[in-house]
Amino acid sequence: MRQRLADYRVFWRQFRQAYHTTGAVLPSGPRLCAALSHFVREGDAADGRRILEVGPGTGAVTDRIVRDLGPADHLTLVERNEAFVGHLREHLQAAQPAALAASRVEMVHASVEDLPEEQPFDLIISGLPLNNFSVSLVEMLLGKMMSLLRPGGTLSFFEYVAIRRAKSLVCSASDRERLRGIARVLNELLGPAEIRRDLVLANVPPAWVHHVKKTET
């Protein structure tokens, strides 16, 4: 409970200071974390997998991923927010499941676009608030994450249910155009590549989790 309160304090402080890059109104709930970690838990981990979490924030999803890791898996966390990075490092040292896997969890203080592509990942889990960004940034981020994924690998990310529709009712004309552009970009990705979609009603707010598979070449 003490750790959870510390997570909320850090989260709300960063939410107030940087809403456009924090995005969520609360840290992800247990059901959303479990849905995002579905392929960590269900996939074949016999040979060990390289797993990337993008935008781990206070570590709510990280805790679930660590719990679901196979014995030979390696997890990389990439986070650009300095306050979250400091909190995550302390959290990983204090949290028992993470401590057990500390030798297989790497923290990178950077933006995902700065990561090299020479060693692709088997799984990528993203917590980035895509609906807060410009259309060009969403295109770049999704393209980068797909480039970081090996053929046959899976990208999992979430968005809140009906978020674009709700925002479009109260936003400016230019913002509505931005949201339509993001919908187009997501549909272009999800149409041919989405292999699973989870509706998580037991979250605040409710969320869709999209799972996208990169085509084998």
Protein backbone atom coordinates (compact mmCIF):
# COMPACT_ATOMS: atom_id res chain seq x y z
CA MET A 1 0.00 0.00 0.00
CA ARG A 2 2.83 2.41 0.85
CA GLN A 3 4.45 1.73 -2.53
CA ARG A 4 1.13 2.28 -4.33
CA LEU A 5 0.63 5.65 -2.61
CA ALA A 6 4.15 6.66 -3.62
CA ASP A 7 3.36 5.66 -7.22
CA TYR A 8 0.19 7.79 -7.21
CA ARG A 9 2.03 10.82 -5.80
CA VAL A 10 4.70 10.66 -8.50
CA PHE A 11 2.11 10.01 -11.19
CA TRP A 12 -0.13 12.94 -10.24
CA ARG A 13 2.80 15.34 -9.94
CA GLN A 14 3.94 14.44 -13.46
CA PHE A 15 0.36 14.44 -14.78
CA ARG A 16 -0.10 18.06 -13.63
CA GLN A 17 3.24 19.13 -15.09
CA ALA A 18 3.19 17.19 -18.38
CA TYR A 19 -0.32 16.05 -19.31
CA HIS A 20 0.43 15.73 -23.04
CA THR A 21 3.14 13.11 -22.45
CA THR A 22 1.64 11.43 -19.37
CA GLY A 23 -1.81 11.09 -20.88
CA ALA A 24 -3.58 8.80 -18.41
CA VAL A 25 -5.71 10.07 -15.54
CA LEU A 26 -4.64 7.22 -13.22
CA PRO A 27 -1.93 4.55 -13.35
CA SER A 28 -3.08 1.45 -15.23
CA GLY A 29 -5.26 -0.88 -13.17
CA PRO A 30 -4.53 -4.61 -12.64
CA ARG A 31 -6.83 -5.82 -15.45
CA LEU A 32 -5.31 -3.42 -17.97
CA CYS A 33 -1.80 -4.42 -16.90
CA ALA A 34 -2.68 -8.10 -17.32
CA ALA A 35 -4.14 -7.48 -20.79
CA LEU A 36 -1.04 -5.57 -21.93
CA SER A 37 1.17 -8.40 -20.66
CA HIS A 38 -0.91 -11.13 -22.36
CA PHE A 39 1.77 -12.27 -24.81
CA VAL A 40 4.51 -12.11 -22.16
CA ARG A 41 2.47 -14.60 -20.17
CA GLU A 42 1.14 -16.72 -23.03
CA GLY A 43 4.08 -16.73 -25.44
CA ASP A 44 6.84 -19.27 -25.87
CA ALA A 45 9.65 -18.25 -23.51
CA ALA A 46 11.77 -21.41 -23.76
CA ASP A 47 14.70 -19.77 -25.53
CA GLY A 48 14.40 -16.41 -23.81
CA ARG A 49 12.86 -13.30 -25.35
CA ARG A 50 13.85 -9.65 -25.63
CA ILE A 51 10.94 -7.57 -24.33
CA LEU A 52 10.62 -3.77 -24.46
CA GLU A 53 8.26 -1.63 -22.40
CA VAL A 54 7.85 1.90 -23.80
CA GLY A 55 6.74 4.60 -21.36
CA PRO A 56 6.51 2.53 -18.15
CA GLY A 57 5.63 5.57 -16.00
CA THR A 58 5.45 4.56 -12.34
CA GLY A 59 5.84 0.86 -13.13
CA ALA A 60 2.29 -0.52 -12.78
CA VAL A 61 2.52 -2.49 -16.04
CA THR A 62 6.20 -3.23 -15.39
CA ASP A 63 5.31 -5.14 -12.22
CA ARG A 64 2.94 -7.37 -14.18
CA ILE A 65 5.43 -7.93 -17.00
CA VAL A 66 8.13 -8.91 -14.49
CA ARG A 67 5.72 -11.36 -12.86
CA ASP A 68 5.00 -12.91 -16.28
CA LEU A 69 8.61 -13.10 -17.51
CA GLY A 70 9.99 -16.48 -18.52
CA PRO A 71 13.19 -17.59 -16.74
CA ALA A 72 15.42 -16.59 -19.67
CA ASP A 73 13.58 -13.42 -20.76
CA HIS A 74 15.18 -9.96 -20.68
CA LEU A 75 13.15 -6.77 -20.17
CA THR A 76 14.22 -3.29 -21.29
CA LEU A 77 12.34 -0.23 -20.01
CA VAL A 78 12.65 3.00 -22.01
CA GLU A 79 11.34 6.15 -20.30
CA ARG A 80 12.07 9.79 -21.21
CA ASN A 81 10.55 11.44 -18.09
CA GLU A 82 13.37 11.97 -15.60
CA ALA A 83 11.11 11.87 -12.54
CA PHE A 84 9.60 8.56 -13.63
CA VAL A 85 13.08 7.15 -14.30
CA GLY A 86 14.23 7.96 -10.76
CA HIS A 87 11.05 6.54 -9.27
CA LEU A 88 11.30 3.38 -11.38
CA ARG A 89 14.87 2.71 -10.32
CA GLU A 90 13.87 2.93 -6.66
CA HIS A 91 10.73 0.88 -7.32
CA LEU A 92 12.66 -1.89 -9.07
CA GLN A 93 15.06 -2.14 -6.15
CA ALA A 94 12.27 -2.24 -3.56
CA ALA A 95 9.62 -4.36 -5.28
CA GLN A 96 10.13 -8.05 -4.52
CA PRO A 97 9.19 -9.52 -7.94
CA ALA A 98 11.34 -6.94 -9.73
CA ALA A 99 14.22 -7.52 -7.33
CA LEU A 100 14.20 -11.21 -8.21
CA ALA A 101 14.54 -10.32 -11.90
CA ALA A 102 16.85 -7.31 -11.45
CA SER A 103 19.66 -8.88 -13.45
CA ARG A 104 17.26 -9.25 -16.40
CA VAL A 105 15.64 -5.78 -16.25
CA GLU A 106 17.41 -2.83 -17.89
CA MET A 107 16.37 0.81 -17.43
CA VAL A 108 17.09 3.21 -20.33
CA HIS A 109 16.55 6.96 -19.83
CA ALA A 110 15.78 7.99 -23.41
CA SER A 111 13.04 8.34 -25.99
CA VAL A 112 12.04 5.22 -27.89
CA GLU A 113 13.09 6.85 -31.16
CA ASP A 114 16.69 6.90 -29.86
CA LEU A 115 16.90 3.11 -29.49
CA PRO A 116 19.06 1.23 -32.03
CA GLU A 117 17.36 -1.31 -34.28
CA GLU A 118 20.21 -3.80 -34.67
CA GLN A 119 18.86 -6.12 -31.95
CA PRO A 120 15.08 -6.34 -32.46
CA PHE A 121 12.62 -7.22 -29.72
CA ASP A 122 10.26 -10.18 -29.59
CA LEU A 123 7.57 -8.21 -27.71
CA ILE A 124 6.92 -4.50 -27.24
CA ILE A 125 4.40 -3.15 -24.72
CA SER A 126 3.62 0.56 -25.03
CA GLY A 127 2.00 2.91 -22.53
CA LEU A 128 2.37 6.00 -24.72
CA PRO A 129 -0.74 8.27 -24.88
CA LEU A 130 -0.95 8.28 -28.68
CA ASN A 131 -4.20 10.27 -28.79
CA ASN A 132 -2.42 13.22 -27.14
CA PHE A 133 0.19 13.54 -29.89
CA SER A 134 0.34 15.05 -33.36
CA VAL A 135 -0.47 12.82 -36.32
CA SER A 136 3.13 12.95 -37.54
CA LEU A 137 4.46 11.97 -34.11
CA VAL A 138 2.03 9.02 -33.88
CA GLU A 139 3.16 7.86 -37.34
CA MET A 140 6.80 8.15 -36.32
CA LEU A 141 6.36 6.37 -32.97
CA LEU A 142 4.37 3.47 -34.41
CA GLY A 143 6.83 3.15 -37.29
CA LYS A 144 9.77 3.14 -34.88
CA MET A 145 8.21 0.52 -32.61
CA MET A 146 7.42 -1.72 -35.58
CA SER A 147 11.04 -1.28 -36.77
CA LEU A 148 12.25 -2.35 -33.32
CA LEU A 149 10.14 -5.50 -33.53
CA ARG A 150 11.44 -8.70 -35.09
CA PRO A 151 9.35 -10.35 -37.84
CA GLY A 152 6.64 -12.36 -36.11
CA GLY A 153 6.94 -10.23 -32.97
CA THR A 154 4.02 -8.53 -31.22
CA LEU A 155 3.31 -4.90 -30.29
CA SER A 156 0.69 -4.34 -27.56
CA PHE A 157 -0.70 -0.89 -26.73
CA PHE A 158 -3.90 0.62 -25.32
CA GLU A 159 -6.27 3.51 -25.78
CA TYR A 160 -9.26 4.55 -23.73
CA VAL A 161 -12.68 3.51 -25.00
CA ALA A 162 -14.31 6.19 -27.20
CA ILE A 163 -11.60 8.69 -26.24
CA ARG A 164 -11.37 10.30 -29.68
CA ARG A 165 -15.15 10.62 -29.94
CA ALA A 166 -15.37 12.20 -26.47
CA LYS A 167 -12.54 14.63 -27.17
CA SER A 168 -13.99 15.63 -30.53
CA LEU A 169 -17.17 16.89 -28.81
CA VAL A 170 -15.31 19.53 -26.82
CA CYS A 171 -12.16 20.32 -28.79
CA SER A 172 -11.37 22.84 -31.52
CA ALA A 173 -11.78 22.16 -35.24
CA SER A 174 -8.01 21.76 -35.63
CA ASP A 175 -7.90 19.24 -32.80
CA ARG A 176 -10.79 17.28 -34.34
CA GLU A 177 -8.79 17.10 -37.56
CA ARG A 178 -5.78 15.85 -35.57
CA LEU A 179 -7.90 13.14 -33.92
CA ARG A 180 -9.27 12.04 -37.30
CA GLY A 181 -5.70 11.78 -38.56
CA ILE A 182 -4.69 9.61 -35.59
CA ALA A 183 -7.72 7.36 -36.20
CA ARG A 184 -6.60 6.95 -39.81
CA VAL A 185 -3.03 6.07 -38.80
CA LEU A 186 -4.21 3.51 -36.22
CA ASN A 187 -6.68 1.95 -38.64
CA GLU A 188 -3.95 1.57 -41.26
CA LEU A 189 -1.86 -0.35 -38.71
CA LEU A 190 -4.63 -2.34 -37.06
CA GLY A 191 -6.55 -3.34 -40.18
CA PRO A 192 -4.05 -5.85 -41.60
CA ALA A 193 -1.99 -6.58 -38.47
CA GLU A 194 -4.19 -6.74 -35.35
CA ILE A 195 -4.37 -10.30 -34.02
CA ARG A 196 -6.20 -9.68 -30.74
CA ARG A 197 -8.20 -6.91 -29.08
CA ASP A 198 -9.12 -6.90 -25.39
CA LEU A 199 -11.85 -4.73 -23.86
CA VAL A 200 -10.92 -3.87 -20.27
CA LEU A 201 -14.00 -2.48 -18.54
CA ALA A 202 -12.50 -2.82 -15.05
CA ASN A 203 -10.19 0.16 -15.54
CA VAL A 204 -10.53 3.91 -14.99
CA PRO A 205 -11.34 4.82 -17.74
CA PRO A 206 -12.23 1.58 -19.60
CA ALA A 207 -9.70 0.73 -22.30
CA TRP A 208 -9.08 -1.24 -25.47
CA VAL A 209 -5.81 -3.17 -25.69
CA HIS A 210 -4.59 -3.76 -29.25
CA HIS A 211 -2.13 -6.52 -30.12
CA VAL A 212 -0.39 -6.22 -33.50
CA LYS A 213 1.84 -8.85 -35.10
CA LYS A 214 4.67 -7.89 -37.44
CA THR A 215 4.56 -9.81 -40.68
CA GLU A 216 7.07 -12.61 -41.08
CA THR A 217 9.53 -11.97 -43.93
